[in-house]
């Protein structure tokens, strides 16, 4: 029987194969929701869905795209913003 803390679906079930050949179930915390564009709300490309402790050890260049507003705006909204500012 699984322990009580593993009965809820707060933790996701991951099937793992041990070196001894047994199949066991590991319980892991779920990943956070994907990052969204502040302008249009689409999912941002190049921004990983990782837990905070994994994001801490990740290099800055892998956390978000290396461009202005990287990790905040999608490429289409960024283009609109740059064009609008150039026209002002």
N, C-alpha and C. Protein backbone atom coordinates (compact mmCIF):
# COMPACT_ATOMS: atom_id res chain seq x y z
N UNK A 1 0.84 -1.19 0.00
CA UNK A 1 0.00 0.00 0.00
C UNK A 1 0.88 1.25 0.00
N UNK A 2 0.47 2.26 -0.76
CA UNK A 2 1.23 3.50 -0.76
C UNK A 2 0.90 4.31 0.48
N UNK A 3 1.84 5.15 0.90
CA UNK A 3 1.59 5.97 2.08
C UNK A 3 0.61 7.08 1.72
N UNK A 4 -0.01 7.65 2.74
CA UNK A 4 -1.08 8.62 2.54
C UNK A 4 -0.68 9.83 1.72
N UNK A 5 0.54 10.30 1.89
CA UNK A 5 0.96 11.50 1.18
C UNK A 5 1.09 11.27 -0.32
N UNK A 6 1.13 10.01 -0.75
CA UNK A 6 1.24 9.71 -2.18
C UNK A 6 -0.10 9.41 -2.83
N UNK A 7 -1.17 9.42 -2.06
CA UNK A 7 -2.47 9.07 -2.62
C UNK A 7 -3.10 10.21 -3.40
N UNK A 8 -2.78 11.46 -3.03
CA UNK A 8 -3.37 12.59 -3.75
C UNK A 8 -2.64 12.77 -5.07
N UNK A 9 -3.28 13.47 -5.99
CA UNK A 9 -2.67 13.68 -7.30
C UNK A 9 -1.85 14.97 -7.35
N UNK A 10 -1.50 15.51 -6.16
CA UNK A 10 -0.61 16.66 -6.12
C UNK A 10 0.73 16.29 -6.73
N UNK A 11 1.20 15.10 -6.41
CA UNK A 11 2.46 14.61 -6.96
C UNK A 11 2.16 13.75 -8.18
N UNK A 12 2.98 13.90 -9.21
CA UNK A 12 2.75 13.08 -10.41
C UNK A 12 3.49 11.76 -10.27
N UNK A 13 2.96 10.74 -10.90
CA UNK A 13 3.55 9.40 -10.83
C UNK A 13 4.44 9.20 -12.05
N UNK A 14 5.68 8.78 -11.79
CA UNK A 14 6.64 8.54 -12.85
C UNK A 14 7.14 7.12 -12.73
N UNK A 15 7.00 6.34 -13.80
CA UNK A 15 7.49 4.96 -13.79
C UNK A 15 8.97 4.97 -14.07
N UNK A 16 9.75 4.33 -13.21
CA UNK A 16 11.21 4.26 -13.37
C UNK A 16 11.62 2.80 -13.34
N UNK A 17 12.65 2.49 -14.09
CA UNK A 17 13.22 1.14 -14.05
C UNK A 17 14.52 1.20 -13.28
N UNK A 18 14.64 0.39 -12.24
CA UNK A 18 15.83 0.40 -11.40
C UNK A 18 16.96 -0.39 -12.07
N UNK A 19 18.20 -0.18 -11.62
CA UNK A 19 19.30 -0.96 -12.17
C UNK A 19 19.12 -2.47 -11.99
N UNK A 20 18.36 -2.85 -10.97
CA UNK A 20 18.11 -4.27 -10.73
C UNK A 20 17.05 -4.86 -11.65
N UNK A 21 16.41 -4.01 -12.46
CA UNK A 21 15.43 -4.50 -13.41
C UNK A 21 13.98 -4.38 -12.94
N UNK A 22 13.76 -3.89 -11.71
CA UNK A 22 12.40 -3.75 -11.21
C UNK A 22 11.78 -2.46 -11.73
N UNK A 23 10.48 -2.46 -11.92
CA UNK A 23 9.75 -1.25 -12.27
C UNK A 23 9.15 -0.69 -10.99
N UNK A 24 9.48 0.57 -10.67
CA UNK A 24 8.97 1.19 -9.47
C UNK A 24 8.31 2.52 -9.84
N UNK A 25 7.48 3.03 -8.95
CA UNK A 25 6.82 4.31 -9.15
C UNK A 25 7.47 5.35 -8.26
N UNK A 26 7.93 6.44 -8.86
CA UNK A 26 8.46 7.58 -8.12
C UNK A 26 7.41 8.67 -8.14
N UNK A 27 7.36 9.46 -7.08
CA UNK A 27 6.41 10.56 -6.97
C UNK A 27 7.17 11.86 -7.03
N UNK A 28 6.90 12.68 -8.05
CA UNK A 28 7.60 13.94 -8.25
C UNK A 28 6.60 15.08 -8.26
N UNK A 29 7.08 16.27 -7.87
CA UNK A 29 6.22 17.45 -7.95
C UNK A 29 6.00 17.80 -9.42
N UNK A 30 4.84 18.35 -9.70
CA UNK A 30 4.51 18.70 -11.07
C UNK A 30 5.28 19.93 -11.53
N UNK A 31 5.46 20.03 -12.84
CA UNK A 31 6.14 21.20 -13.39
C UNK A 31 5.18 22.38 -13.40
N UNK A 32 5.74 23.60 -13.31
CA UNK A 32 4.88 24.78 -13.37
C UNK A 32 4.33 24.99 -14.78
N UNK A 33 3.35 25.86 -14.89
CA UNK A 33 2.75 26.16 -16.20
C UNK A 33 3.78 26.86 -17.08
N UNK A 34 3.60 26.76 -18.37
CA UNK A 34 4.52 27.38 -19.32
C UNK A 34 4.44 28.89 -19.22
N UNK A 35 5.56 29.57 -19.50
CA UNK A 35 5.61 31.03 -19.49
C UNK A 35 4.76 31.58 -20.63
N UNK A 36 4.06 32.68 -20.36
CA UNK A 36 3.16 33.28 -21.34
C UNK A 36 3.63 34.67 -21.72
N UNK A 37 3.32 35.06 -22.95
CA UNK A 37 3.65 36.39 -23.45
C UNK A 37 2.78 37.41 -22.74
N UNK A 38 3.39 38.55 -22.33
CA UNK A 38 2.64 39.59 -21.64
C UNK A 38 1.71 40.34 -22.58
N UNK A 39 2.00 40.29 -23.89
CA UNK A 39 1.17 41.01 -24.85
C UNK A 39 -0.04 40.22 -25.31
N UNK A 40 0.21 39.02 -25.85
CA UNK A 40 -0.89 38.27 -26.48
C UNK A 40 -1.25 36.98 -25.74
N UNK A 41 -0.41 36.53 -24.80
CA UNK A 41 -0.76 35.36 -24.00
C UNK A 41 -0.35 34.03 -24.59
N UNK A 42 0.38 34.02 -25.71
CA UNK A 42 0.82 32.75 -26.27
C UNK A 42 1.97 32.18 -25.45
N UNK A 43 2.22 30.88 -25.57
CA UNK A 43 3.31 30.24 -24.86
C UNK A 43 4.64 30.71 -25.43
N UNK A 44 5.57 31.08 -24.55
CA UNK A 44 6.86 31.58 -25.00
C UNK A 44 7.79 30.42 -25.37
N UNK A 45 8.44 30.56 -26.50
CA UNK A 45 9.43 29.58 -26.94
C UNK A 45 10.76 29.89 -26.25
N UNK A 46 11.53 28.88 -25.96
CA UNK A 46 12.86 29.08 -25.40
C UNK A 46 12.88 29.34 -23.91
N UNK A 47 11.72 29.23 -23.24
CA UNK A 47 11.67 29.40 -21.79
C UNK A 47 11.28 28.05 -21.20
N UNK A 48 12.17 27.39 -20.45
CA UNK A 48 11.87 26.04 -19.97
C UNK A 48 10.81 26.02 -18.88
N UNK A 49 10.08 24.91 -18.83
CA UNK A 49 9.12 24.67 -17.75
C UNK A 49 9.84 23.85 -16.69
N UNK A 50 10.47 24.50 -15.77
CA UNK A 50 11.22 23.79 -14.73
C UNK A 50 10.87 24.33 -13.36
N UNK A 51 11.11 23.51 -12.35
CA UNK A 51 10.89 23.91 -10.97
C UNK A 51 11.96 24.92 -10.57
N UNK A 52 11.68 25.77 -9.58
CA UNK A 52 12.63 26.83 -9.22
C UNK A 52 14.03 26.33 -8.86
N UNK A 53 14.14 25.20 -8.17
CA UNK A 53 15.48 24.72 -7.79
C UNK A 53 16.29 24.32 -9.01
N UNK A 54 15.63 23.90 -10.08
CA UNK A 54 16.34 23.55 -11.30
C UNK A 54 16.70 24.79 -12.11
N UNK A 55 15.84 25.80 -12.04
CA UNK A 55 16.12 27.06 -12.73
C UNK A 55 17.31 27.78 -12.10
N UNK A 56 17.51 27.60 -10.79
CA UNK A 56 18.63 28.26 -10.11
C UNK A 56 19.97 27.79 -10.64
N UNK A 57 20.08 26.51 -10.94
CA UNK A 57 21.37 25.96 -11.39
C UNK A 57 21.56 26.09 -12.90
N UNK A 58 20.51 26.48 -13.60
CA UNK A 58 20.58 26.61 -15.06
C UNK A 58 21.28 27.93 -15.42
N UNK A 59 22.14 27.93 -16.44
CA UNK A 59 22.76 29.20 -16.83
C UNK A 59 21.73 30.20 -17.35
N UNK A 60 22.05 31.47 -17.21
CA UNK A 60 21.10 32.53 -17.58
C UNK A 60 20.70 32.45 -19.05
N UNK A 61 21.63 32.04 -19.90
CA UNK A 61 21.34 31.99 -21.34
C UNK A 61 20.33 30.90 -21.70
N UNK A 62 20.11 29.92 -20.81
CA UNK A 62 19.13 28.87 -21.07
C UNK A 62 17.78 29.14 -20.42
N UNK A 63 17.71 30.20 -19.59
CA UNK A 63 16.46 30.52 -18.90
C UNK A 63 15.49 31.28 -19.78
N UNK A 64 16.02 32.11 -20.69
CA UNK A 64 15.17 32.90 -21.57
C UNK A 64 15.98 33.33 -22.78
N UNK A 65 15.33 33.71 -23.88
CA UNK A 65 16.05 34.12 -25.09
C UNK A 65 16.90 35.37 -24.84
N UNK A 66 18.03 35.45 -25.52
CA UNK A 66 18.95 36.58 -25.39
C UNK A 66 18.57 37.68 -26.38
N UNK A 67 17.49 38.39 -26.09
CA UNK A 67 17.07 39.52 -26.91
C UNK A 67 16.29 40.46 -26.01
N UNK A 68 16.04 41.69 -26.46
CA UNK A 68 15.25 42.59 -25.62
C UNK A 68 13.88 41.98 -25.31
N UNK A 69 13.45 42.14 -24.08
CA UNK A 69 12.18 41.58 -23.59
C UNK A 69 12.14 40.05 -23.71
N UNK A 70 13.28 39.40 -23.73
CA UNK A 70 13.34 37.94 -23.80
C UNK A 70 12.73 37.34 -22.54
N UNK A 71 11.82 36.39 -22.70
CA UNK A 71 11.14 35.78 -21.57
C UNK A 71 9.92 36.56 -21.11
N UNK A 72 9.62 37.69 -21.78
CA UNK A 72 8.46 38.50 -21.42
C UNK A 72 7.50 38.60 -22.60
N UNK A 73 8.05 38.96 -23.78
CA UNK A 73 7.24 39.11 -24.99
C UNK A 73 7.63 38.05 -26.02
N UNK A 74 6.65 37.62 -26.81
CA UNK A 74 6.95 36.72 -27.92
C UNK A 74 7.56 37.53 -29.06
N UNK A 75 8.08 36.86 -30.08
CA UNK A 75 8.76 37.56 -31.17
C UNK A 75 7.82 38.50 -31.92
N UNK A 76 6.56 38.12 -32.08
CA UNK A 76 5.61 38.94 -32.83
C UNK A 76 5.29 40.23 -32.07
N UNK A 77 5.04 40.13 -30.77
CA UNK A 77 4.73 41.31 -29.97
C UNK A 77 5.95 42.21 -29.86
N UNK A 78 7.14 41.62 -29.78
CA UNK A 78 8.36 42.41 -29.73
C UNK A 78 8.53 43.21 -31.01
N UNK A 79 8.25 42.60 -32.15
CA UNK A 79 8.36 43.29 -33.44
C UNK A 79 7.39 44.47 -33.49
N UNK A 80 6.15 44.25 -33.04
CA UNK A 80 5.16 45.33 -33.01
C UNK A 80 5.62 46.48 -32.12
N UNK A 81 6.20 46.14 -30.96
CA UNK A 81 6.65 47.15 -30.02
C UNK A 81 7.81 47.97 -30.59
N UNK A 82 8.76 47.30 -31.23
CA UNK A 82 9.91 48.00 -31.81
C UNK A 82 9.46 48.93 -32.94
N UNK A 83 8.56 48.44 -33.79
CA UNK A 83 8.05 49.27 -34.90
C UNK A 83 7.29 50.47 -34.34
N UNK A 84 6.47 50.26 -33.32
CA UNK A 84 5.69 51.35 -32.73
C UNK A 84 6.60 52.41 -32.11
N UNK A 85 7.67 51.99 -31.45
CA UNK A 85 8.59 52.94 -30.84
C UNK A 85 9.39 53.69 -31.89
N UNK A 86 9.72 53.03 -33.01
CA UNK A 86 10.45 53.69 -34.09
C UNK A 86 9.60 54.75 -34.77
N UNK A 87 8.29 54.55 -34.77
CA UNK A 87 7.39 55.49 -35.42
C UNK A 87 7.08 56.72 -34.56
N UNK A 88 7.36 56.62 -33.26
CA UNK A 88 7.07 57.75 -32.35
C UNK A 88 8.00 58.90 -32.60
